[in-house]
Amino acid sequence: MDPQSQSTTSELEQIAATIHSRKLTAPVIFLLESHLPLRAVAENLILFLAPFVQPFMRKSSLDSLRNILSSPEAIQELINQLEQLEKNH
């Protein structure tokens, strides 16, 4: 596993844990699965909105979100992690 892949996996685990702790697992899974065909639009929307959102989010967080949304494998991995967390609790 390359360092980029390990970084993405740890980011996905952190995102999944945060979503699960806020009890938003089901709505997030629903949104991710229903918007999977629109992932390119979401990625471009993040690029467009970045200047407006940067005062509220770190640039690294925006970059991570954009990278995750650009990869269908990463989105599916996030869904899998959320489902696993939901099963275990």
PDB file of N, CA and C in Angstrom:
ATOM      1  N   MET A   1       0.850  -1.178   0.000  1.00  0.00           N
ATOM      2  CA  MET A   1       0.000   0.000   0.000  1.00  0.00           C
ATOM      3  C   MET A   1       0.893   1.237   0.000  1.00  0.00           C
ATOM      4  N   ASP A   2       0.666   2.139  -0.938  1.00  0.00           N
ATOM      5  CA  ASP A   2       1.506   3.325  -1.027  1.00  0.00           C
ATOM      6  C   ASP A   2       1.093   4.364   0.016  1.00  0.00           C
ATOM      7  N   PRO A   3       1.982   5.332   0.306  1.00  0.00           N
ATOM      8  CA  PRO A   3       1.678   6.335   1.339  1.00  0.00           C
ATOM      9  C   PRO A   3       0.412   7.135   1.054  1.00  0.00           C
ATOM     10  N   GLN A   4       0.149   7.448  -0.223  1.00  0.00           N
ATOM     11  CA  GLN A   4      -1.065   8.198  -0.574  1.00  0.00           C
ATOM     12  C   GLN A   4      -2.304   7.386  -0.218  1.00  0.00           C
ATOM     13  N   SER A   5      -2.257   6.106  -0.515  1.00  0.00           N
ATOM     14  CA  SER A   5      -3.384   5.225  -0.222  1.00  0.00           C
ATOM     15  C   SER A   5      -3.594   5.089   1.281  1.00  0.00           C
ATOM     16  N   GLN A   6      -2.497   4.980   2.039  1.00  0.00           N
ATOM     17  CA  GLN A   6      -2.602   4.888   3.497  1.00  0.00           C
ATOM     18  C   GLN A   6      -3.179   6.174   4.073  1.00  0.00           C
ATOM     19  N   SER A   7      -2.768   7.307   3.527  1.00  0.00           N
ATOM     20  CA  SER A   7      -3.288   8.597   3.986  1.00  0.00           C
ATOM     21  C   SER A   7      -4.782   8.699   3.719  1.00  0.00           C
ATOM     22  N   THR A   8      -5.200   8.287   2.535  1.00  0.00           N
ATOM     23  CA  THR A   8      -6.614   8.328   2.189  1.00  0.00           C
ATOM     24  C   THR A   8      -7.415   7.399   3.090  1.00  0.00           C
ATOM     25  N   THR A   9      -6.873   6.210   3.361  1.00  0.00           N
ATOM     26  CA  THR A   9      -7.567   5.258   4.224  1.00  0.00           C
ATOM     27  C   THR A   9      -7.735   5.819   5.628  1.00  0.00           C
ATOM     28  N   SER A  10      -6.702   6.445   6.168  1.00  0.00           N
ATOM     29  CA  SER A  10      -6.820   7.019   7.515  1.00  0.00           C
ATOM     30  C   SER A  10      -7.797   8.189   7.529  1.00  0.00           C
ATOM     31  N   GLU A  11      -7.822   8.976   6.457  1.00  0.00           N
ATOM     32  CA  GLU A  11      -8.790  10.076   6.363  1.00  0.00           C
ATOM     33  C   GLU A  11     -10.211   9.531   6.298  1.00  0.00           C
ATOM     34  N   LEU A  12     -10.403   8.468   5.526  1.00  0.00           N
ATOM     35  CA  LEU A  12     -11.728   7.863   5.423  1.00  0.00           C
ATOM     36  C   LEU A  12     -12.181   7.301   6.764  1.00  0.00           C
ATOM     37  N   GLU A  13     -11.261   6.677   7.494  1.00  0.00           N
ATOM     38  CA  GLU A  13     -11.600   6.144   8.815  1.00  0.00           C
ATOM     39  C   GLU A  13     -12.004   7.257   9.764  1.00  0.00           C
ATOM     40  N   GLN A  14     -11.282   8.360   9.712  1.00  0.00           N
ATOM     41  CA  GLN A  14     -11.593   9.502  10.571  1.00  0.00           C
ATOM     42  C   GLN A  14     -12.952  10.105  10.204  1.00  0.00           C
ATOM     43  N   ILE A  15     -13.212  10.251   8.916  1.00  0.00           N
ATOM     44  CA  ILE A  15     -14.494  10.794   8.466  1.00  0.00           C
ATOM     45  C   ILE A  15     -15.630   9.875   8.881  1.00  0.00           C
ATOM     46  N   ALA A  16     -15.444   8.576   8.677  1.00  0.00           N
ATOM     47  CA  ALA A  16     -16.482   7.602   9.039  1.00  0.00           C
ATOM     48  C   ALA A  16     -16.760   7.642  10.539  1.00  0.00           C
ATOM     49  N   ALA A  17     -15.718   7.728  11.356  1.00  0.00           N
ATOM     50  CA  ALA A  17     -15.900   7.774  12.804  1.00  0.00           C
ATOM     51  C   ALA A  17     -16.648   9.040  13.224  1.00  0.00           C
ATOM     52  N   THR A  18     -16.330  10.156  12.596  1.00  0.00           N
ATOM     53  CA  THR A  18     -17.012  11.414  12.914  1.00  0.00           C
ATOM     54  C   THR A  18     -18.491  11.347  12.533  1.00  0.00           C
ATOM     55  N   ILE A  19     -18.763  10.834  11.346  1.00  0.00           N
ATOM     56  CA  ILE A  19     -20.153  10.705  10.904  1.00  0.00           C
ATOM     57  C   ILE A  19     -20.922   9.783  11.836  1.00  0.00           C
ATOM     58  N   HIS A  20     -20.300   8.661  12.197  1.00  0.00           N
ATOM     59  CA  HIS A  20     -20.961   7.692  13.076  1.00  0.00           C
ATOM     60  C   HIS A  20     -21.206   8.282  14.468  1.00  0.00           C
ATOM     61  N   SER A  21     -20.242   9.024  14.989  1.00  0.00           N
ATOM     62  CA  SER A  21     -20.402   9.604  16.327  1.00  0.00           C
ATOM     63  C   SER A  21     -21.526  10.633  16.374  1.00  0.00           C
ATOM     64  N   ARG A  22     -21.807  11.246  15.246  1.00  0.00           N
ATOM     65  CA  ARG A  22     -22.901  12.226  15.175  1.00  0.00           C
ATOM     66  C   ARG A  22     -24.234  11.588  14.784  1.00  0.00           C
ATOM     67  N   LYS A  23     -24.209  10.256  14.664  1.00  0.00           N
ATOM     68  CA  LYS A  23     -25.414   9.474  14.341  1.00  0.00           C
ATOM     69  C   LYS A  23     -26.034   9.897  13.001  1.00  0.00           C
ATOM     70  N   LEU A  24     -25.165  10.138  12.027  1.00  0.00           N
ATOM     71  CA  LEU A  24     -25.608  10.523  10.688  1.00  0.00           C
ATOM     72  C   LEU A  24     -25.281   9.457   9.654  1.00  0.00           C
ATOM     73  N   THR A  25     -25.049   8.241  10.106  1.00  0.00           N
ATOM     74  CA  THR A  25     -24.603   7.181   9.206  1.00  0.00           C
ATOM     75  C   THR A  25     -25.600   6.922   8.087  1.00  0.00           C
ATOM     76  N   ALA A  26     -26.854   6.679   8.421  1.00  0.00           N
ATOM     77  CA  ALA A  26     -27.856   6.342   7.398  1.00  0.00           C
ATOM     78  C   ALA A  26     -28.048   7.469   6.375  1.00  0.00           C
ATOM     79  N   PRO A  27     -28.217   8.731   6.811  1.00  0.00           N
ATOM     80  CA  PRO A  27     -28.398   9.789   5.812  1.00  0.00           C
ATOM     81  C   PRO A  27     -27.169   9.975   4.913  1.00  0.00           C
ATOM     82  N   VAL A  28     -25.981   9.829   5.483  1.00  0.00           N
ATOM     83  CA  VAL A  28     -24.769  10.016   4.684  1.00  0.00           C
ATOM     84  C   VAL A  28     -24.623   8.887   3.664  1.00  0.00           C
ATOM     85  N   ILE A  29     -24.887   7.649   4.079  1.00  0.00           N
ATOM     86  CA  ILE A  29     -24.822   6.532   3.131  1.00  0.00           C
ATOM     87  C   ILE A  29     -25.827   6.759   1.997  1.00  0.00           C
ATOM     88  N   PHE A  30     -27.033   7.165   2.358  1.00  0.00           N
ATOM     89  CA  PHE A  30     -28.054   7.439   1.346  1.00  0.00           C
ATOM     90  C   PHE A  30     -27.581   8.508   0.365  1.00  0.00           C
ATOM     91  N   LEU A  31     -27.050   9.598   0.873  1.00  0.00           N
ATOM     92  CA  LEU A  31     -26.591  10.682   0.003  1.00  0.00           C
ATOM     93  C   LEU A  31     -25.414  10.264  -0.861  1.00  0.00           C
ATOM     94  N   LEU A  32     -24.470   9.535  -0.279  1.00  0.00           N
ATOM     95  CA  LEU A  32     -23.311   9.095  -1.060  1.00  0.00           C
ATOM     96  C   LEU A  32     -23.728   8.161  -2.190  1.00  0.00           C
ATOM     97  N   GLU A  33     -24.599   7.217  -1.877  1.00  0.00           N
ATOM     98  CA  GLU A  33     -25.023   6.272  -2.908  1.00  0.00           C
ATOM     99  C   GLU A  33     -25.881   6.939  -3.982  1.00  0.00           C
ATOM    100  N   SER A  34     -26.728   7.855  -3.587  1.00  0.00           N
ATOM    101  CA  SER A  34     -27.601   8.490  -4.575  1.00  0.00           C
ATOM    102  C   SER A  34     -26.873   9.530  -5.426  1.00  0.00           C
ATOM    103  N   HIS A  35     -25.795  10.079  -4.908  1.00  0.00           N
ATOM    104  CA  HIS A  35     -25.065  11.104  -5.656  1.00  0.00           C
ATOM    105  C   HIS A  35     -23.780  10.586  -6.288  1.00  0.00           C
ATOM    106  N   LEU A  36     -23.563   9.289  -6.239  1.00  0.00           N
ATOM    107  CA  LEU A  36     -22.353   8.722  -6.836  1.00  0.00           C
ATOM    108  C   LEU A  36     -22.219   9.086  -8.316  1.00  0.00           C
ATOM    109  N   PRO A  37     -23.291   9.054  -9.103  1.00  0.00           N
ATOM    110  CA  PRO A  37     -23.147   9.451 -10.515  1.00  0.00           C
ATOM    111  C   PRO A  37     -22.778  10.933 -10.695  1.00  0.00           C
ATOM    112  N   LEU A  38     -23.018  11.745  -9.688  1.00  0.00           N
ATOM    113  CA  LEU A  38     -22.744  13.187  -9.784  1.00  0.00           C
ATOM    114  C   LEU A  38     -21.434  13.584  -9.110  1.00  0.00           C
ATOM    115  N   ARG A  39     -20.565  12.618  -8.860  1.00  0.00           N
ATOM    116  CA  ARG A  39     -19.344  12.913  -8.112  1.00  0.00           C
ATOM    117  C   ARG A  39     -18.460  13.938  -8.815  1.00  0.00           C
ATOM    118  N   ALA A  40     -18.417  13.940 -10.141  1.00  0.00           N
ATOM    119  CA  ALA A  40     -17.603  14.917 -10.868  1.00  0.00           C
ATOM    120  C   ALA A  40     -18.136  16.332 -10.657  1.00  0.00           C
ATOM    121  N   VAL A  41     -19.447  16.461 -10.620  1.00  0.00           N
ATOM    122  CA  VAL A  41     -20.055  17.772 -10.366  1.00  0.00           C
ATOM    123  C   VAL A  41     -19.712  18.235  -8.954  1.00  0.00           C
ATOM    124  N   ALA A  42     -19.792  17.316  -7.990  1.00  0.00           N
ATOM    125  CA  ALA A  42     -19.474  17.670  -6.601  1.00  0.00           C
ATOM    126  C   ALA A  42     -18.019  18.085  -6.459  1.00  0.00           C
ATOM    127  N   GLU A  43     -17.136  17.375  -7.149  1.00  0.00           N
ATOM    128  CA  GLU A  43     -15.718  17.719  -7.091  1.00  0.00           C
ATOM    129  C   GLU A  43     -15.488  19.126  -7.643  1.00  0.00           C
ATOM    130  N   ASN A  44     -16.106  19.440  -8.773  1.00  0.00           N
ATOM    131  CA  ASN A  44     -15.962  20.776  -9.357  1.00  0.00           C
ATOM    132  C   ASN A  44     -16.636  21.843  -8.510  1.00  0.00           C
ATOM    133  N   LEU A  45     -17.718  21.494  -7.857  1.00  0.00           N
ATOM    134  CA  LEU A  45     -18.385  22.436  -6.967  1.00  0.00           C
ATOM    135  C   LEU A  45     -17.476  22.812  -5.789  1.00  0.00           C
ATOM    136  N   ILE A  46     -16.756  21.836  -5.281  1.00  0.00           N
ATOM    137  CA  ILE A  46     -15.808  22.123  -4.194  1.00  0.00           C
ATOM    138  C   ILE A  46     -14.715  23.069  -4.683  1.00  0.00           C
ATOM    139  N   LEU A  47     -14.211  22.841  -5.878  1.00  0.00           N
ATOM    140  CA  LEU A  47     -13.200  23.744  -6.430  1.00  0.00           C
ATOM    141  C   LEU A  47     -13.748  25.159  -6.577  1.00  0.00           C
ATOM    142  N   PHE A  48     -14.983  25.269  -7.040  1.00  0.00           N
ATOM    143  CA  PHE A  48     -15.603  26.574  -7.236  1.00  0.00           C
ATOM    144  C   PHE A  48     -15.851  27.283  -5.905  1.00  0.00           C
ATOM    145  N   LEU A  49     -16.314  26.536  -4.903  1.00  0.00           N
ATOM    146  CA  LEU A  49     -16.669  27.140  -3.617  1.00  0.00           C
ATOM    147  C   LEU A  49     -15.499  27.288  -2.654  1.00  0.00           C
ATOM    148  N   ALA A  50     -14.350  26.727  -3.000  1.00  0.00           N
ATOM    149  CA  ALA A  50     -13.196  26.741  -2.096  1.00  0.00           C
ATOM    150  C   ALA A  50     -12.859  28.131  -1.553  1.00  0.00           C
ATOM    151  N   PRO A  51     -12.814  29.178  -2.379  1.00  0.00           N
ATOM    152  CA  PRO A  51     -12.479  30.494  -1.828  1.00  0.00           C
ATOM    153  C   PRO A  51     -13.479  30.984  -0.774  1.00  0.00           C
ATOM    154  N   PHE A  52     -14.720  30.565  -0.892  1.00  0.00           N
ATOM    155  CA  PHE A  52     -15.747  31.017   0.044  1.00  0.00           C
ATOM    156  C   PHE A  52     -15.763  30.172   1.324  1.00  0.00           C
ATOM    157  N   VAL A  53     -15.333  28.919   1.211  1.00  0.00           N
ATOM    158  CA  VAL A  53     -15.386  27.990   2.335  1.00  0.00           C
ATOM    159  C   VAL A  53     -14.079  27.990   3.133  1.00  0.00           C
ATOM    160  N   GLN A  54     -12.985  28.425   2.524  1.00  0.00           N
ATOM    161  CA  GLN A  54     -11.684  28.374   3.186  1.00  0.00           C
ATOM    162  C   GLN A  54     -11.635  29.091   4.531  1.00  0.00           C
ATOM    163  N   PRO A  55     -12.362  30.181   4.747  1.00  0.00           N
ATOM    164  CA  PRO A  55     -12.323  30.776   6.086  1.00  0.00           C
ATOM    165  C   PRO A  55     -12.874  29.852   7.172  1.00  0.00           C
ATOM    166  N   PHE A  56     -13.663  28.860   6.771  1.00  0.00           N
ATOM    167  CA  PHE A  56     -14.289  27.962   7.740  1.00  0.00           C
ATOM    168  C   PHE A  56     -13.638  26.590   7.799  1.00  0.00           C
ATOM    169  N   MET A  57     -12.894  26.222   6.766  1.00  0.00           N
ATOM    170  CA  MET A  57     -12.244  24.909   6.696  1.00  0.00           C
ATOM    171  C   MET A  57     -10.788  25.088   6.294  1.00  0.00           C
ATOM    172  N   ARG A  58      -9.960  24.156   6.766  1.00  0.00           N
ATOM    173  CA  ARG A  58      -8.559  24.183   6.343  1.00  0.00           C
ATOM    174  C   ARG A  58      -8.459  23.751   4.885  1.00  0.00           C
ATOM    175  N   LYS A  59      -7.458  24.260   4.204  1.00  0.00           N
ATOM    176  CA  LYS A  59      -7.244  23.899   2.803  1.00  0.00           C
ATOM    177  C   LYS A  59      -6.990  22.408   2.667  1.00  0.00           C
ATOM    178  N   SER A  60      -6.278  21.819   3.601  1.00  0.00           N
ATOM    179  CA  SER A  60      -6.000  20.382   3.530  1.00  0.00           C
ATOM    180  C   SER A  60      -7.294  19.567   3.628  1.00  0.00           C
ATOM    181  N   SER A  61      -8.252  20.047   4.412  1.00  0.00           N
ATOM    182  CA  SER A  61      -9.536  19.349   4.518  1.00  0.00           C
ATOM    183  C   SER A  61     -10.304  19.420   3.203  1.00  0.00           C
ATOM    184  N   LEU A  62     -10.264  20.573   2.576  1.00  0.00           N
ATOM    185  CA  LEU A  62     -10.927  20.718   1.277  1.00  0.00           C
ATOM    186  C   LEU A  62     -10.267  19.834   0.224  1.00  0.00           C
ATOM    187  N   ASP A  63      -8.949  19.789   0.236  1.00  0.00           N
ATOM    188  CA  ASP A  63      -8.229  18.947  -0.721  1.00  0.00           C
ATOM    189  C   ASP A  63      -8.549  17.478  -0.497  1.00  0.00           C
ATOM    190  N   SER A  64      -8.616  17.066   0.755  1.00  0.00           N
ATOM    191  CA  SER A  64      -8.958  15.675   1.065  1.00  0.00           C
ATOM    192  C   SER A  64     -10.360  15.342   0.589  1.00  0.00           C
ATOM    193  N   LEU A  65     -11.293  16.237   0.840  1.00  0.00           N
ATOM    194  CA  LEU A  65     -12.670  16.019   0.409  1.00  0.00           C
ATOM    195  C   LEU A  65     -12.762  15.922  -1.108  1.00  0.00           C
ATOM    196  N   ARG A  66     -12.057  16.787  -1.794  1.00  0.00           N
ATOM    197  CA  ARG A  66     -12.044  16.763  -3.260  1.00  0.00           C
ATOM    198  C   ARG A  66     -11.440  15.457  -3.771  1.00  0.00           C
ATOM    199  N   ASN A  67     -10.355  15.009  -3.152  1.00  0.00           N
ATOM    200  CA  ASN A  67      -9.724  13.750  -3.564  1.00  0.00           C
ATOM    201  C   ASN A  67     -10.643  12.561  -3.339  1.00  0.00           C
ATOM    202  N   ILE A  68     -11.343  12.561  -2.231  1.00  0.00           N
ATOM    203  CA  ILE A  68     -12.266  11.465  -1.939  1.00  0.00           C
ATOM    204  C   ILE A  68     -13.416  11.464  -2.939  1.00  0.00           C
ATOM    205  N   LEU A  69     -13.975  12.632  -3.210  1.00  0.00           N
ATOM    206  CA  LEU A  69     -15.101  12.707  -4.139  1.00  0.00           C
ATOM    207  C   LEU A  69     -14.702  12.391  -5.574  1.00  0.00           C
ATOM    208  N   SER A  70     -13.441  12.522  -5.908  1.00  0.00           N
ATOM    209  CA  SER A  70     -13.003  12.248  -7.270  1.00  0.00           C
ATOM    210  C   SER A  70     -12.804  10.758  -7.518  1.00  0.00           C
ATOM    211  N   SER A  71     -12.813   9.960  -6.471  1.00  0.00           N
ATOM    212  CA  SER A  71     -12.548   8.536  -6.611  1.00  0.00           C
ATOM    213  C   SER A  71     -13.770   7.707  -6.218  1.00  0.00           C
ATOM    214  N   PRO A  72     -14.353   6.985  -7.167  1.00  0.00           N
ATOM    215  CA  PRO A  72     -15.489   6.138  -6.799  1.00  0.00           C
ATOM    216  C   PRO A  72     -15.092   5.048  -5.805  1.00  0.00           C
ATOM    217  N   GLU A  73     -13.833   4.606  -5.878  1.00  0.00           N
ATOM    218  CA  GLU A  73     -13.356   3.597  -4.924  1.00  0.00           C
ATOM    219  C   GLU A  73     -13.317   4.158  -3.507  1.00  0.00           C
ATOM    220  N   ALA A  74     -12.898   5.404  -3.370  1.00  0.00           N
ATOM    221  CA  ALA A  74     -12.846   6.030  -2.049  1.00  0.00           C
ATOM    222  C   ALA A  74     -14.251   6.232  -1.488  1.00  0.00           C
ATOM    223  N   ILE A  75     -15.177   6.609  -2.343  1.00  0.00           N
ATOM    224  CA  ILE A  75     -16.563   6.787  -1.897  1.00  0.00           C
ATOM    225  C   ILE A  75     -17.125   5.447  -1.437  1.00  0.00           C
ATOM    226  N   GLN A  76     -16.872   4.402  -2.215  1.00  0.00           N
ATOM    227  CA  GLN A  76     -17.363   3.073  -1.837  1.00  0.00           C
ATOM    228  C   GLN A  76     -16.707   2.599  -0.547  1.00  0.00           C
ATOM    229  N   GLU A  77     -15.428   2.896  -0.371  1.00  0.00           N
ATOM    230  CA  GLU A  77     -14.738   2.511   0.864  1.00  0.00           C
ATOM    231  C   GLU A  77     -15.338   3.245   2.064  1.00  0.00           C
ATOM    232  N   LEU A  78     -15.674   4.516   1.894  1.00  0.00           N
ATOM    233  CA  LEU A  78     -16.312   5.269   2.974  1.00  0.00           C
ATOM    234  C   LEU A  78     -17.670   4.660   3.316  1.00  0.00           C
ATOM    235  N   ILE A  79     -18.435   4.302   2.308  1.00  0.00           N
ATOM    236  CA  ILE A  79     -19.730   3.659   2.544  1.00  0.00           C
ATOM    237  C   ILE A  79     -19.534   2.342   3.288  1.00  0.00           C
ATOM    238  N   ASN A  80     -18.551   1.549   2.861  1.00  0.00           N
ATOM    239  CA  ASN A  80     -18.272   0.268   3.527  1.00  0.00           C
ATOM    240  C   ASN A  80     -17.887   0.467   4.989  1.00  0.00           C
ATOM    241  N   GLN A  81     -17.039   1.465   5.257  1.00  0.00           N
ATOM    242  CA  GLN A  81     -16.626   1.726   6.641  1.00  0.00           C
ATOM    243  C   GLN A  81     -17.807   2.175   7.485  1.00  0.00           C
ATOM    244  N   LEU A  82     -18.666   3.011   6.928  1.00  0.00           N
ATOM    245  CA  LEU A  82     -19.848   3.455   7.668  1.00  0.00           C
ATOM    246  C   LEU A  82     -20.778   2.282   7.972  1.00  0.00           C
ATOM    247  N   GLU A  83     -20.966   1.408   7.001  1.00  0.00           N
ATOM    248  CA  GLU A  83     -21.812   0.231   7.225  1.00  0.00           C
ATOM    249  C   GLU A  83     -21.205  -0.686   8.279  1.00  0.00           C
ATOM    250  N   GLN A  84     -19.902  -0.836   8.271  1.00  0.00           N
ATOM    251  CA  GLN A  84     -19.226  -1.675   9.257  1.00  0.00           C
ATOM    252  C   GLN A  84     -19.372  -1.084  10.663  1.00  0.00           C
ATOM    253  N   LEU A  85     -19.198   0.223  10.783  1.00  0.00           N
ATOM    254  CA  LEU A  85     -19.371   0.876  12.086  1.00  0.00           C
ATOM    255  C   LEU A  85     -20.797   0.714  12.582  1.00  0.00           C
ATOM    256  N   GLU A  86     -21.748   0.821  11.674  1.00  0.00           N
ATOM    257  CA  GLU A  86     -23.153   0.684  12.057  1.00  0.00           C
ATOM    258  C   GLU A  86     -23.458  -0.741  12.512  1.00  0.00           C
ATOM    259  N   LYS A  87     -22.854  -1.727  11.859  1.00  0.00           N
ATOM    260  CA  LYS A  87     -23.051  -3.130  12.249  1.00  0.00           C
ATOM    261  C   LYS A  87     -22.477  -3.429  13.624  1.00  0.00           C
ATOM    262  N   ASN A  88     -21.340  -2.828  13.929  1.00  0.00           N
ATOM    263  CA  ASN A  88     -20.637  -3.106  15.177  1.00  0.00           C
ATOM    264  C   ASN A  88     -21.250  -2.396  16.382  1.00  0.00           C
ATOM    265  N   HIS A  89     -22.081  -1.412  16.133  1.00  0.00           N
ATOM    266  CA  HIS A  89     -22.649  -0.659  17.279  1.00  0.00           C
ATOM    267  C   HIS A  89     -24.120  -0.723  17.275  1.00  0.00           C
TER     268      HIS A  89
END
